[in-house]
Protein backbone atom coordinates (compact mmCIF):
# COMPACT_ATOMS: atom_id res chain seq x y z
CA MET A 1 -23.74 -7.26 9.78
CA ALA A 2 -23.17 -4.98 12.77
CA GLU A 3 -24.20 -1.79 14.51
CA THR A 4 -24.55 1.40 12.47
CA ARG A 5 -21.67 3.45 13.97
CA GLN A 6 -18.13 2.38 14.89
CA ARG A 7 -14.87 3.96 16.07
CA LEU A 8 -12.80 5.27 13.15
CA ASP A 9 -9.63 3.39 14.09
CA LYS A 10 -11.55 0.16 14.59
CA TRP A 11 -13.28 0.49 11.20
CA ILE A 12 -9.94 1.15 9.44
CA TRP A 13 -8.54 -1.98 11.10
CA HIS A 14 -11.61 -4.09 10.23
CA ALA A 15 -11.44 -2.91 6.60
CA ARG A 16 -7.77 -3.99 6.51
CA PHE A 17 -6.24 -0.60 5.74
CA ALA A 18 -3.98 -1.12 8.79
CA LYS A 19 -2.44 -4.32 10.14
CA THR A 20 -3.05 -3.42 13.79
CA ARG A 21 -5.36 -1.13 15.75
CA THR A 22 -2.30 0.75 16.99
CA THR A 23 -1.25 1.40 13.39
CA ALA A 24 -4.79 2.58 12.60
CA GLN A 25 -4.70 4.94 15.60
CA LYS A 26 -1.34 6.35 14.50
CA LEU A 27 -2.72 6.88 10.99
CA VAL A 28 -5.61 8.93 12.43
CA THR A 29 -3.63 10.88 15.06
CA GLY A 30 -0.98 11.64 12.44
CA GLY A 31 -3.55 13.57 10.41
CA LYS A 32 -3.58 11.06 7.56
CA VAL A 33 -7.37 10.55 7.60
CA ARG A 34 -10.22 12.82 6.55
CA VAL A 35 -13.89 12.08 7.15
CA ASP A 36 -16.17 13.90 4.72
CA SER A 37 -13.33 16.33 3.83
CA GLU A 38 -12.68 17.18 7.51
CA LYS A 39 -9.22 16.30 8.92
CA ILE A 40 -9.67 14.04 11.93
CA THR A 41 -7.10 13.42 14.67
CA ASN A 42 -9.36 11.63 17.15
CA PRO A 43 -9.33 7.84 16.61
CA SER A 44 -12.53 7.39 18.63
CA ARG A 45 -14.66 9.49 16.25
CA PRO A 46 -17.72 7.46 15.24
CA VAL A 47 -18.18 6.68 11.54
CA GLY A 48 -20.84 4.75 9.70
CA PRO A 49 -22.46 4.07 6.35
CA GLY A 50 -22.40 7.06 4.03
CA ASN A 51 -19.20 8.61 5.41
CA VAL A 52 -16.43 9.16 2.89
CA LEU A 53 -12.87 8.63 4.13
CA THR A 54 -9.74 9.97 2.50
CA LEU A 55 -6.73 7.94 3.63
CA THR A 56 -3.23 9.16 2.89
CA MET A 57 -1.29 5.92 2.61
CA PRO A 58 2.51 5.74 2.15
CA ARG A 59 2.36 5.30 -1.65
CA GLN A 60 -1.15 6.43 -2.55
CA ILE A 61 -4.27 8.29 -1.54
CA ARG A 62 -7.41 6.18 -1.10
CA ILE A 63 -10.94 7.59 -1.20
CA ILE A 64 -13.35 5.19 0.50
CA GLU A 65 -17.11 5.31 1.02
CA ILE A 66 -18.23 3.30 4.04
CA ILE A 67 -21.02 0.86 3.20
CA THR A 68 -21.31 -0.92 6.55
CA THR A 69 -19.46 -1.73 9.76
CA ALA A 70 -18.29 -5.10 11.09
CA GLU A 71 -18.36 -6.83 14.46
CA ARG A 72 -14.98 -8.45 13.98
CA ARG A 73 -12.03 -8.42 11.60
CA GLY A 74 -12.41 -11.03 8.89
CA PRO A 75 -10.59 -12.09 5.72
CA PHE A 76 -9.95 -9.67 2.86
CA GLU A 77 -13.05 -10.79 0.93
CA GLN A 78 -15.30 -9.81 3.86
CA ALA A 79 -13.36 -6.60 4.52
CA ARG A 80 -13.77 -5.56 0.87
CA MET A 81 -17.57 -5.63 1.32
CA LEU A 82 -17.36 -2.94 4.04
CA TYR A 83 -16.52 -0.14 1.60
CA ASN A 84 -16.73 1.19 -1.92
CA ASP A 85 -13.40 2.36 -3.35
CA LEU A 86 -13.82 5.74 -5.06
CA SER A 87 -10.10 6.24 -5.71
CA PRO A 88 -9.12 7.08 -9.29
CA PRO A 89 -7.14 4.34 -11.03
CA GLU A 90 -3.39 4.51 -10.48
CA GLU A 91 -1.37 6.13 -13.23
CA LYS A 92 1.74 4.23 -14.16
CA SER A 93 4.59 6.68 -14.39
CA THR A 94 7.20 6.00 -17.04
CA ALA A 95 9.65 8.30 -15.27
CA SER A 96 9.76 6.14 -12.14
CA LYS A 97 10.39 2.95 -14.09
CA ARG A 98 14.09 2.43 -14.64
CA PRO A 99 15.18 1.65 -18.18
CA GLN A 100 15.63 -2.03 -18.84
CA THR A 101 19.16 -3.05 -19.72
CA GLU A 102 20.12 -5.94 -21.95
CA ASP A 103 21.20 -7.94 -18.89
CA ASP A 104 17.78 -7.44 -17.26
CA ALA A 105 16.01 -8.55 -20.43
CA ILE A 106 18.06 -11.75 -20.58
CA GLY A 107 17.63 -12.41 -16.86
CA ARG A 108 21.21 -11.85 -15.78
CA SER A 109 22.31 -9.55 -13.05
CA GLY A 110 25.10 -7.08 -13.73
CA ARG A 111 27.57 -9.09 -11.67
CA PRO A 112 29.58 -11.80 -13.47
CA THR A 113 29.47 -15.39 -12.32
CA LYS A 114 32.55 -17.27 -11.15
CA HIS A 115 32.86 -18.89 -14.57
CA GLN A 116 32.66 -15.50 -16.31
CA ARG A 117 35.25 -14.00 -13.92
CA LYS A 118 37.71 -16.78 -14.75
CA LYS A 119 37.27 -16.07 -18.45
CA ILE A 120 37.79 -12.34 -17.87
CA LEU A 121 40.99 -12.97 -15.87
CA LYS A 122 42.22 -15.33 -18.58
CA LEU A 123 41.59 -12.70 -21.27
CA LYS A 124 43.33 -10.01 -19.21
CA ARG A 125 46.38 -12.20 -18.68
CA HIS A 126 46.43 -13.15 -22.34
CA SER A 127 46.19 -9.53 -23.54
CA ALA A 128 48.94 -8.45 -21.09
CA GLU A 129 51.42 -10.80 -22.72
C-alpha cells in the first residue's frame, strides 16, 4: 500500500479519525494521543505497523493497532483496513438515557398543537363560567 513509516498526524487523518490534518495536529499537540503508552505531543512523530495508538476522542477512548500506512486519504472502507480496533465495546449507560414519557412513546412532543390549544382555551373558558 505505502511506505512503512508515516507522520502521526497524517496517519490519523488518513485513517479518518480527524476530518482535517489541522484537527489531527491539534489532537496530537493537545496531548490526546499516546503511541505505545507514551504521551506524544509532536505531530511529526513517525508511526508504522505494530504501533498501538490510544486516542482520547470527545465521547470515547479508542485503542488502535496500526496495520499499514496509506499514500492518500481514501473512503472509509479503505481507511478501516489501515488499523485494527482494540477498543472494548461501548457500554450503554441507563443513567444517561432519559426516561421515556408517554408523549415520546406516542410520537408527540410536549408542546400542544394549534388545534389542541384551541380546545384547551375552550375548556378554560367553559370552566370559568
